[in-house]
Amino acid sequence: MKFPTLFFLLILTCMYLSLAQGSYGNCCLGYIKGMKASGRRNIESYRMQETDGDCNLRAVVFLMKKKPSHIIQKTRCANPNDLWVQQLIQGLNDRRQK
């Protein structure tokens, strides 16, 4: 009787620990310092990452254009407080409105 109960509690503990770790698969963990003009031309869109849920860093996530050989879309993370990032966002918004 004791072994099945102990085994069941061990399984529940393992499941709880695996769920409590969180997932950082879609979170930025750092910023880039700048971006070359060729990289800026390859930006398709952007999204804001806020410090809620699993992510603990506020960032602008730039989604780069897919190349035929790439299966996963590349992203670049930048500090939303940097002037060059704000100018780039404004340019993308202007381009989107046209």
PDB file of N, CA and C in Angstrom:
ATOM      1  N   MET A   1       0.819  -1.196   0.000  1.00  0.00           N
ATOM      2  CA  MET A   1       0.000   0.000   0.000  1.00  0.00           C
ATOM      3  C   MET A   1       0.864   1.261   0.000  1.00  0.00           C
ATOM      4  N   LYS A   2       1.985   1.227   0.694  1.00  0.00           N
ATOM      5  CA  LYS A   2       2.823   2.413   0.777  1.00  0.00           C
ATOM      6  C   LYS A   2       3.557   2.697  -0.529  1.00  0.00           C
ATOM      7  N   PHE A   3       3.996   1.666  -1.214  1.00  0.00           N
ATOM      8  CA  PHE A   3       4.759   1.865  -2.442  1.00  0.00           C
ATOM      9  C   PHE A   3       3.939   2.549  -3.537  1.00  0.00           C
ATOM     10  N   PRO A   4       2.715   2.128  -3.838  1.00  0.00           N
ATOM     11  CA  PRO A   4       1.934   2.825  -4.877  1.00  0.00           C
ATOM     12  C   PRO A   4       1.662   4.294  -4.531  1.00  0.00           C
ATOM     13  N   THR A   5       1.441   4.581  -3.272  1.00  0.00           N
ATOM     14  CA  THR A   5       1.195   5.964  -2.866  1.00  0.00           C
ATOM     15  C   THR A   5       2.454   6.803  -3.043  1.00  0.00           C
ATOM     16  N   LEU A   6       3.578   6.265  -2.629  1.00  0.00           N
ATOM     17  CA  LEU A   6       4.850   6.959  -2.781  1.00  0.00           C
ATOM     18  C   LEU A   6       5.181   7.165  -4.267  1.00  0.00           C
ATOM     19  N   PHE A   7       4.940   6.155  -5.079  1.00  0.00           N
ATOM     20  CA  PHE A   7       5.183   6.243  -6.519  1.00  0.00           C
ATOM     21  C   PHE A   7       4.298   7.315  -7.153  1.00  0.00           C
ATOM     22  N   PHE A   8       3.043   7.353  -6.771  1.00  0.00           N
ATOM     23  CA  PHE A   8       2.101   8.339  -7.288  1.00  0.00           C
ATOM     24  C   PHE A   8       2.530   9.760  -6.898  1.00  0.00           C
ATOM     25  N   LEU A   9       2.958   9.969  -5.658  1.00  0.00           N
ATOM     26  CA  LEU A   9       3.414  11.283  -5.221  1.00  0.00           C
ATOM     27  C   LEU A   9       4.691  11.705  -5.941  1.00  0.00           C
ATOM     28  N   LEU A  10       5.562  10.773  -6.220  1.00  0.00           N
ATOM     29  CA  LEU A  10       6.777  11.054  -6.961  1.00  0.00           C
ATOM     30  C   LEU A  10       6.458  11.506  -8.389  1.00  0.00           C
ATOM     31  N   ILE A  11       5.534  10.840  -9.028  1.00  0.00           N
ATOM     32  CA  ILE A  11       5.108  11.213 -10.390  1.00  0.00           C
ATOM     33  C   ILE A  11       4.478  12.604 -10.388  1.00  0.00           C
ATOM     34  N   LEU A  12       3.628  12.904  -9.432  1.00  0.00           N
ATOM     35  CA  LEU A  12       2.999  14.230  -9.347  1.00  0.00           C
ATOM     36  C   LEU A  12       4.043  15.322  -9.123  1.00  0.00           C
ATOM     37  N   THR A  13       5.025  15.049  -8.304  1.00  0.00           N
ATOM     38  CA  THR A  13       6.084  16.023  -8.045  1.00  0.00           C
ATOM     39  C   THR A  13       6.883  16.306  -9.309  1.00  0.00           C
ATOM     40  N   CYS A  14       7.218  15.292 -10.046  1.00  0.00           N
ATOM     41  CA  CYS A  14       7.954  15.474 -11.302  1.00  0.00           C
ATOM     42  C   CYS A  14       7.148  16.283 -12.308  1.00  0.00           C
ATOM     43  N   MET A  15       5.864  16.010 -12.403  1.00  0.00           N
ATOM     44  CA  MET A  15       5.008  16.758 -13.324  1.00  0.00           C
ATOM     45  C   MET A  15       4.916  18.215 -12.907  1.00  0.00           C
ATOM     46  N   TYR A  16       4.793  18.477 -11.623  1.00  0.00           N
ATOM     47  CA  TYR A  16       4.704  19.848 -11.136  1.00  0.00           C
ATOM     48  C   TYR A  16       5.983  20.615 -11.436  1.00  0.00           C
ATOM     49  N   LEU A  17       7.131  20.016 -11.212  1.00  0.00           N
ATOM     50  CA  LEU A  17       8.402  20.683 -11.465  1.00  0.00           C
ATOM     51  C   LEU A  17       8.604  20.977 -12.945  1.00  0.00           C
ATOM     52  N   SER A  18       8.174  20.086 -13.801  1.00  0.00           N
ATOM     53  CA  SER A  18       8.331  20.327 -15.242  1.00  0.00           C
ATOM     54  C   SER A  18       7.426  21.454 -15.722  1.00  0.00           C
ATOM     55  N   LEU A  19       6.254  21.618 -15.127  1.00  0.00           N
ATOM     56  CA  LEU A  19       5.354  22.703 -15.507  1.00  0.00           C
ATOM     57  C   LEU A  19       5.800  24.032 -14.911  1.00  0.00           C
ATOM     58  N   ALA A  20       6.435  24.010 -13.767  1.00  0.00           N
ATOM     59  CA  ALA A  20       6.842  25.229 -13.086  1.00  0.00           C
ATOM     60  C   ALA A  20       8.060  25.888 -13.723  1.00  0.00           C
ATOM     61  N   GLN A  21       8.803  25.186 -14.551  1.00  0.00           N
ATOM     62  CA  GLN A  21      10.016  25.739 -15.140  1.00  0.00           C
ATOM     63  C   GLN A  21       9.727  26.829 -16.159  1.00  0.00           C
ATOM     64  N   GLY A  22       8.602  26.807 -16.802  1.00  0.00           N
ATOM     65  CA  GLY A  22       8.269  27.813 -17.802  1.00  0.00           C
ATOM     66  C   GLY A  22       8.931  27.509 -19.131  1.00  0.00           C
ATOM     67  N   SER A  23       8.584  28.306 -20.123  1.00  0.00           N
ATOM     68  CA  SER A  23       9.113  28.117 -21.466  1.00  0.00           C
ATOM     69  C   SER A  23       9.634  29.449 -21.988  1.00  0.00           C
ATOM     70  N   TYR A  24      10.904  29.475 -22.413  1.00  0.00           N
ATOM     71  CA  TYR A  24      11.489  30.683 -22.961  1.00  0.00           C
ATOM     72  C   TYR A  24      11.721  30.547 -24.461  1.00  0.00           C
ATOM     73  N   GLY A  25      10.968  29.697 -25.114  1.00  0.00           N
ATOM     74  CA  GLY A  25      11.160  29.447 -26.528  1.00  0.00           C
ATOM     75  C   GLY A  25      10.923  30.656 -27.407  1.00  0.00           C
ATOM     76  N   ASN A  26       9.977  31.519 -27.044  1.00  0.00           N
ATOM     77  CA  ASN A  26       9.640  32.671 -27.870  1.00  0.00           C
ATOM     78  C   ASN A  26      10.036  33.987 -27.215  1.00  0.00           C
ATOM     79  N   CYS A  27      10.923  33.939 -26.220  1.00  0.00           N
ATOM     80  CA  CYS A  27      11.315  35.143 -25.494  1.00  0.00           C
ATOM     81  C   CYS A  27      12.710  35.604 -25.886  1.00  0.00           C
ATOM     82  N   CYS A  28      12.874  36.923 -25.924  1.00  0.00           N
ATOM     83  CA  CYS A  28      14.195  37.514 -26.117  1.00  0.00           C
ATOM     84  C   CYS A  28      14.934  37.477 -24.793  1.00  0.00           C
ATOM     85  N   LEU A  29      16.177  37.076 -24.849  1.00  0.00           N
ATOM     86  CA  LEU A  29      16.997  37.023 -23.651  1.00  0.00           C
ATOM     87  C   LEU A  29      18.076  38.095 -23.652  1.00  0.00           C
ATOM     88  N   GLY A  30      18.198  38.840 -24.758  1.00  0.00           N
ATOM     89  CA  GLY A  30      19.186  39.910 -24.863  1.00  0.00           C
ATOM     90  C   GLY A  30      18.883  40.792 -26.060  1.00  0.00           C
ATOM     91  N   TYR A  31      19.637  41.895 -26.174  1.00  0.00           N
ATOM     92  CA  TYR A  31      19.427  42.875 -27.231  1.00  0.00           C
ATOM     93  C   TYR A  31      20.600  42.878 -28.207  1.00  0.00           C
ATOM     94  N   ILE A  32      20.313  43.249 -29.463  1.00  0.00           N
ATOM     95  CA  ILE A  32      21.382  43.552 -30.404  1.00  0.00           C
ATOM     96  C   ILE A  32      21.728  45.029 -30.222  1.00  0.00           C
ATOM     97  N   LYS A  33      22.945  45.387 -30.559  1.00  0.00           N
ATOM     98  CA  LYS A  33      23.401  46.774 -30.370  1.00  0.00           C
ATOM     99  C   LYS A  33      23.063  47.667 -31.560  1.00  0.00           C
ATOM    100  N   GLY A  34      22.945  47.085 -32.726  1.00  0.00           N
ATOM    101  CA  GLY A  34      22.651  47.848 -33.930  1.00  0.00           C
ATOM    102  C   GLY A  34      22.347  46.909 -35.077  1.00  0.00           C
ATOM    103  N   MET A  35      21.982  47.490 -36.217  1.00  0.00           N
ATOM    104  CA  MET A  35      21.645  46.678 -37.381  1.00  0.00           C
ATOM    105  C   MET A  35      22.124  47.398 -38.633  1.00  0.00           C
ATOM    106  N   LYS A  36      22.777  46.659 -39.510  1.00  0.00           N
ATOM    107  CA  LYS A  36      23.258  47.231 -40.769  1.00  0.00           C
ATOM    108  C   LYS A  36      22.079  47.568 -41.675  1.00  0.00           C
ATOM    109  N   ALA A  37      22.332  48.411 -42.654  1.00  0.00           N
ATOM    110  CA  ALA A  37      21.279  48.829 -43.588  1.00  0.00           C
ATOM    111  C   ALA A  37      20.710  47.630 -44.344  1.00  0.00           C
ATOM    112  N   SER A  38      21.561  46.670 -44.698  1.00  0.00           N
ATOM    113  CA  SER A  38      21.064  45.493 -45.407  1.00  0.00           C
ATOM    114  C   SER A  38      20.125  44.678 -44.529  1.00  0.00           C
ATOM    115  N   GLY A  39      20.401  44.616 -43.246  1.00  0.00           N
ATOM    116  CA  GLY A  39      19.513  43.923 -42.319  1.00  0.00           C
ATOM    117  C   GLY A  39      18.197  44.655 -42.139  1.00  0.00           C
ATOM    118  N   ARG A  40      18.263  45.967 -42.118  1.00  0.00           N
ATOM    119  CA  ARG A  40      17.036  46.772 -41.958  1.00  0.00           C
ATOM    120  C   ARG A  40      16.094  46.596 -43.139  1.00  0.00           C
ATOM    121  N   ARG A  41      16.647  46.403 -44.323  1.00  0.00           N
ATOM    122  CA  ARG A  41      15.798  46.198 -45.511  1.00  0.00           C
ATOM    123  C   ARG A  41      15.092  44.842 -45.469  1.00  0.00           C
ATOM    124  N   ASN A  42      15.625  43.898 -44.706  1.00  0.00           N
ATOM    125  CA  ASN A  42      15.041  42.558 -44.646  1.00  0.00           C
ATOM    126  C   ASN A  42      14.024  42.391 -43.531  1.00  0.00           C
ATOM    127  N   ILE A  43      13.682  43.460 -42.840  1.00  0.00           N
ATOM    128  CA  ILE A  43      12.666  43.365 -41.785  1.00  0.00           C
ATOM    129  C   ILE A  43      11.294  43.294 -42.425  1.00  0.00           C
ATOM    130  N   GLU A  44      10.544  42.294 -42.046  1.00  0.00           N
ATOM    131  CA  GLU A  44       9.183  42.115 -42.557  1.00  0.00           C
ATOM    132  C   GLU A  44       8.164  42.803 -41.654  1.00  0.00           C
ATOM    133  N   SER A  45       8.314  42.634 -40.350  1.00  0.00           N
ATOM    134  CA  SER A  45       7.405  43.235 -39.388  1.00  0.00           C
ATOM    135  C   SER A  45       8.070  43.210 -38.010  1.00  0.00           C
ATOM    136  N   TYR A  46       7.342  43.648 -37.019  1.00  0.00           N
ATOM    137  CA  TYR A  46       7.854  43.615 -35.659  1.00  0.00           C
ATOM    138  C   TYR A  46       6.704  43.348 -34.689  1.00  0.00           C
ATOM    139  N   ARG A  47       7.075  42.973 -33.491  1.00  0.00           N
ATOM    140  CA  ARG A  47       6.097  42.818 -32.416  1.00  0.00           C
ATOM    141  C   ARG A  47       6.762  43.250 -31.115  1.00  0.00           C
ATOM    142  N   MET A  48       5.959  43.639 -30.163  1.00  0.00           N
ATOM    143  CA  MET A  48       6.473  44.043 -28.866  1.00  0.00           C
ATOM    144  C   MET A  48       6.417  42.858 -27.912  1.00  0.00           C
ATOM    145  N   GLN A  49       7.493  42.655 -27.186  1.00  0.00           N
ATOM    146  CA  GLN A  49       7.524  41.634 -26.131  1.00  0.00           C
ATOM    147  C   GLN A  49       7.467  42.371 -24.801  1.00  0.00           C
ATOM    148  N   GLU A  50       6.461  42.084 -24.021  1.00  0.00           N
ATOM    149  CA  GLU A  50       6.296  42.724 -22.715  1.00  0.00           C
ATOM    150  C   GLU A  50       6.780  41.789 -21.615  1.00  0.00           C
ATOM    151  N   THR A  51       6.888  42.326 -20.428  1.00  0.00           N
ATOM    152  CA  THR A  51       7.402  41.542 -19.303  1.00  0.00           C
ATOM    153  C   THR A  51       6.269  40.870 -18.542  1.00  0.00           C
ATOM    154  N   ASP A  52       5.447  40.143 -19.247  1.00  0.00           N
ATOM    155  CA  ASP A  52       4.386  39.389 -18.605  1.00  0.00           C
ATOM    156  C   ASP A  52       4.502  37.923 -19.012  1.00  0.00           C
ATOM    157  N   GLY A  53       3.912  37.071 -18.260  1.00  0.00           N
ATOM    158  CA  GLY A  53       3.984  35.651 -18.585  1.00  0.00           C
ATOM    159  C   GLY A  53       5.378  35.108 -18.363  1.00  0.00           C
ATOM    160  N   ASP A  54       5.909  34.401 -19.346  1.00  0.00           N
ATOM    161  CA  ASP A  54       7.210  33.752 -19.224  1.00  0.00           C
ATOM    162  C   ASP A  54       8.378  34.676 -19.533  1.00  0.00           C
ATOM    163  N   CYS A  55       8.146  35.759 -20.235  1.00  0.00           N
ATOM    164  CA  CYS A  55       9.242  36.632 -20.665  1.00  0.00           C
ATOM    165  C   CYS A  55       9.508  37.701 -19.609  1.00  0.00           C
ATOM    166  N   ASN A  56      10.786  37.921 -19.311  1.00  0.00           N
ATOM    167  CA  ASN A  56      11.122  38.905 -18.284  1.00  0.00           C
ATOM    168  C   ASN A  56      11.948  40.065 -18.824  1.00  0.00           C
ATOM    169  N   LEU A  57      11.912  40.285 -20.131  1.00  0.00           N
ATOM    170  CA  LEU A  57      12.670  41.355 -20.766  1.00  0.00           C
ATOM    171  C   LEU A  57      11.772  42.057 -21.776  1.00  0.00           C
ATOM    172  N   ARG A  58      11.613  43.374 -21.632  1.00  0.00           N
ATOM    173  CA  ARG A  58      10.837  44.151 -22.593  1.00  0.00           C
ATOM    174  C   ARG A  58      11.696  44.352 -23.835  1.00  0.00           C
ATOM    175  N   ALA A  59      11.151  44.051 -25.011  1.00  0.00           N
ATOM    176  CA  ALA A  59      11.944  44.116 -26.238  1.00  0.00           C
ATOM    177  C   ALA A  59      11.049  44.333 -27.451  1.00  0.00           C
ATOM    178  N   VAL A  60      11.683  44.798 -28.526  1.00  0.00           N
ATOM    179  CA  VAL A  60      11.065  44.841 -29.846  1.00  0.00           C
ATOM    180  C   VAL A  60      11.638  43.660 -30.614  1.00  0.00           C
ATOM    181  N   VAL A  61      10.762  42.815 -31.125  1.00  0.00           N
ATOM    182  CA  VAL A  61      11.197  41.629 -31.863  1.00  0.00           C
ATOM    183  C   VAL A  61      10.948  41.891 -33.343  1.00  0.00           C
ATOM    184  N   PHE A  62      12.032  42.017 -34.099  1.00  0.00           N
ATOM    185  CA  PHE A  62      11.929  42.234 -35.537  1.00  0.00           C
ATOM    186  C   PHE A  62      11.897  40.873 -36.232  1.00  0.00           C
ATOM    187  N   LEU A  63      10.888  40.666 -37.070  1.00  0.00           N
ATOM    188  CA  LEU A  63      10.757  39.437 -37.848  1.00  0.00           C
ATOM    189  C   LEU A  63      11.366  39.687 -39.217  1.00  0.00           C
ATOM    190  N   MET A  64      12.357  38.905 -39.549  1.00  0.00           N
ATOM    191  CA  MET A  64      13.080  39.071 -40.806  1.00  0.00           C
ATOM    192  C   MET A  64      12.383  38.305 -41.923  1.00  0.00           C
ATOM    193  N   LYS A  65      12.575  38.753 -43.171  1.00  0.00           N
ATOM    194  CA  LYS A  65      11.987  38.068 -44.323  1.00  0.00           C
ATOM    195  C   LYS A  65      12.578  36.664 -44.430  1.00  0.00           C
ATOM    196  N   LYS A  66      11.722  35.725 -44.788  1.00  0.00           N
ATOM    197  CA  LYS A  66      12.162  34.333 -44.955  1.00  0.00           C
ATOM    198  C   LYS A  66      12.931  34.188 -46.253  1.00  0.00           C
ATOM    199  N   LYS A  67      13.990  33.444 -46.185  1.00  0.00           N
ATOM    200  CA  LYS A  67      14.717  33.064 -47.387  1.00  0.00           C
ATOM    201  C   LYS A  67      14.269  31.660 -47.753  1.00  0.00           C
ATOM    202  N   PRO A  68      14.312  31.297 -49.025  1.00  0.00           N
ATOM    203  CA  PRO A  68      13.821  29.966 -49.420  1.00  0.00           C
ATOM    204  C   PRO A  68      14.495  28.819 -48.670  1.00  0.00           C
ATOM    205  N   SER A  69      15.748  28.996 -48.268  1.00  0.00           N
ATOM    206  CA  SER A  69      16.454  27.900 -47.613  1.00  0.00           C
ATOM    207  C   SER A  69      16.171  27.818 -46.113  1.00  0.00           C
ATOM    208  N   HIS A  70      15.552  28.838 -45.535  1.00  0.00           N
ATOM    209  CA  HIS A  70      15.279  28.841 -44.103  1.00  0.00           C
ATOM    210  C   HIS A  70      13.858  28.372 -43.821  1.00  0.00           C
ATOM    211  N   ILE A  71      13.732  27.445 -42.928  1.00  0.00           N
ATOM    212  CA  ILE A  71      12.419  26.945 -42.538  1.00  0.00           C
ATOM    213  C   ILE A  71      11.829  27.820 -41.438  1.00  0.00           C
ATOM    214  N   ILE A  72      12.663  28.220 -40.490  1.00  0.00           N
ATOM    215  CA  ILE A  72      12.214  29.019 -39.361  1.00  0.00           C
ATOM    216  C   ILE A  72      12.532  30.489 -39.639  1.00  0.00           C
ATOM    217  N   GLN A  73      11.579  31.354 -39.357  1.00  0.00           N
ATOM    218  CA  GLN A  73      11.777  32.774 -39.582  1.00  0.00           C
ATOM    219  C   GLN A  73      12.722  33.330 -38.517  1.00  0.00           C
ATOM    220  N   LYS A  74      13.731  34.057 -38.944  1.00  0.00           N
ATOM    221  CA  LYS A  74      14.703  34.627 -38.019  1.00  0.00           C
ATOM    222  C   LYS A  74      14.123  35.862 -37.347  1.00  0.00           C
ATOM    223  N   THR A  75      14.562  36.096 -36.115  1.00  0.00           N
ATOM    224  CA  THR A  75      14.146  37.270 -35.365  1.00  0.00           C
ATOM    225  C   THR A  75      15.379  37.968 -34.813  1.00  0.00           C
ATOM    226  N   ARG A  76      15.226  39.252 -34.551  1.00  0.00           N
ATOM    227  CA  ARG A  76      16.252  40.051 -33.898  1.00  0.00           C
ATOM    228  C   ARG A  76      15.562  40.835 -32.780  1.00  0.00           C
ATOM    229  N   CYS A  77      16.178  40.862 -31.621  1.00  0.00           N
ATOM    230  CA  CYS A  77      15.600  41.536 -30.461  1.00  0.00           C
ATOM    231  C   CYS A  77      16.372  42.816 -30.177  1.00  0.00           C
ATOM    232  N   ALA A  78      15.645  43.902 -29.944  1.00  0.00           N
ATOM    233  CA  ALA A  78      16.279  45.194 -29.711  1.00  0.00           C
ATOM    234  C   ALA A  78      15.617  45.896 -28.533  1.00  0.00           C
ATOM    235  N   ASN A  79      16.365  46.808 -27.943  1.00  0.00           N
ATOM    236  CA  ASN A  79      15.877  47.583 -26.809  1.00  0.00           C
ATOM    237  C   ASN A  79      14.906  48.648 -27.310  1.00  0.00           C
ATOM    238  N   PRO A  80      13.660  48.655 -26.833  1.00  0.00           N
ATOM    239  CA  PRO A  80      12.681  49.627 -27.315  1.00  0.00           C
ATOM    240  C   PRO A  80      12.999  51.058 -26.905  1.00  0.00           C
ATOM    241  N   ASN A  81      13.917  51.262 -25.972  1.00  0.00           N
ATOM    242  CA  ASN A  81      14.291  52.604 -25.534  1.00  0.00           C
ATOM    243  C   ASN A  81      15.387  53.225 -26.387  1.00  0.00           C
ATOM    244  N   ASP A  82      16.046  52.433 -27.251  1.00  0.00           N
ATOM    245  CA  ASP A  82      17.101  52.959 -28.119  1.00  0.00           C
ATOM    246  C   ASP A  82      16.494  53.810 -29.231  1.00  0.00           C
ATOM    247  N   LEU A  83      17.156  54.912 -29.534  1.00  0.00           N
ATOM    248  CA  LEU A  83      16.646  55.840 -30.547  1.00  0.00           C
ATOM    249  C   LEU A  83      16.566  55.183 -31.921  1.00  0.00           C
ATOM    250  N   TRP A  84      17.583  54.410 -32.308  1.00  0.00           N
ATOM    251  CA  TRP A  84      17.574  53.788 -33.635  1.00  0.00           C
ATOM    252  C   TRP A  84      16.428  52.794 -33.776  1.00  0.00           C
ATOM    253  N   VAL A  85      16.038  52.158 -32.681  1.00  0.00           N
ATOM    254  CA  VAL A  85      14.920  51.210 -32.713  1.00  0.00           C
ATOM    255  C   VAL A  85      13.604  51.966 -32.902  1.00  0.00           C
ATOM    256  N   GLN A  86      13.450  53.065 -32.195  1.00  0.00           N
ATOM    257  CA  GLN A  86      12.234  53.873 -32.331  1.00  0.00           C
ATOM    258  C   GLN A  86      12.102  54.443 -33.738  1.00  0.00           C
ATOM    259  N   GLN A  87      13.210  54.875 -34.329  1.00  0.00           N
ATOM    260  CA  GLN A  87      13.180  55.385 -35.702  1.00  0.00           C
ATOM    261  C   GLN A  87      12.838  54.277 -36.687  1.00  0.00           C
ATOM    262  N   LEU A  88      13.359  53.093 -36.447  1.00  0.00           N
ATOM    263  CA  LEU A  88      13.072  51.962 -37.326  1.00  0.00           C
ATOM    264  C   LEU A  88      11.595  51.567 -37.237  1.00  0.00           C
ATOM    265  N   ILE A  89      11.048  51.565 -36.052  1.00  0.00           N
ATOM    266  CA  ILE A  89       9.623  51.255 -35.868  1.00  0.00           C
ATOM    267  C   ILE A  89       8.767  52.293 -36.585  1.00  0.00           C
ATOM    268  N   GLN A  90       9.130  53.573 -36.462  1.00  0.00           N
ATOM    269  CA  GLN A  90       8.380  54.627 -37.140  1.00  0.00           C
ATOM    270  C   GLN A  90       8.425  54.445 -38.654  1.00  0.00           C
ATOM    271  N   GLY A  91       9.599  54.091 -39.168  1.00  0.00           N
ATOM    272  CA  GLY A  91       9.721  53.840 -40.607  1.00  0.00           C
ATOM    273  C   GLY A  91       8.889  52.649 -41.058  1.00  0.00           C
ATOM    274  N   LEU A  92       8.850  51.594 -40.244  1.00  0.00           N
ATOM    275  CA  LEU A  92       8.030  50.419 -40.586  1.00  0.00           C
ATOM    276  C   LEU A  92       6.544  50.765 -40.540  1.00  0.00           C
ATOM    277  N   ASN A  93       6.135  51.566 -39.569  1.00  0.00           N
ATOM    278  CA  ASN A  93       4.735  51.978 -39.480  1.00  0.00           C
ATOM    279  C   ASN A  93       4.342  52.849 -40.672  1.00  0.00           C
ATOM    280  N   ASP A  94       5.252  53.757 -41.071  1.00  0.00           N
ATOM    281  CA  ASP A  94       4.975  54.600 -42.243  1.00  0.00           C
ATOM    282  C   ASP A  94       4.869  53.764 -43.501  1.00  0.00           C
ATOM    283  N   ARG A  95       5.759  52.798 -43.648  1.00  0.00           N
ATOM    284  CA  ARG A  95       5.742  51.913 -44.812  1.00  0.00           C
ATOM    285  C   ARG A  95       4.467  51.076 -44.862  1.00  0.00           C
ATOM    286  N   ARG A  96       3.992  50.659 -43.697  1.00  0.00           N
ATOM    287  CA  ARG A  96       2.787  49.842 -43.621  1.00  0.00           C
ATOM    288  C   ARG A  96       1.554  50.645 -44.001  1.00  0.00           C
ATOM    289  N   GLN A  97       1.524  51.943 -43.666  1.00  0.00           N
ATOM    290  CA  GLN A  97       0.361  52.780 -43.965  1.00  0.00           C
ATOM    291  C   GLN A  97       0.243  53.133 -45.431  1.00  0.00           C
ATOM    292  N   LYS A  98       1.341  53.075 -46.167  1.00  0.00           N
ATOM    293  CA  LYS A  98       1.293  53.433 -47.601  1.00  0.00           C
ATOM    294  C   LYS A  98       0.736  52.331 -48.447  1.00  0.00           C
TER     295      LYS A  98
END
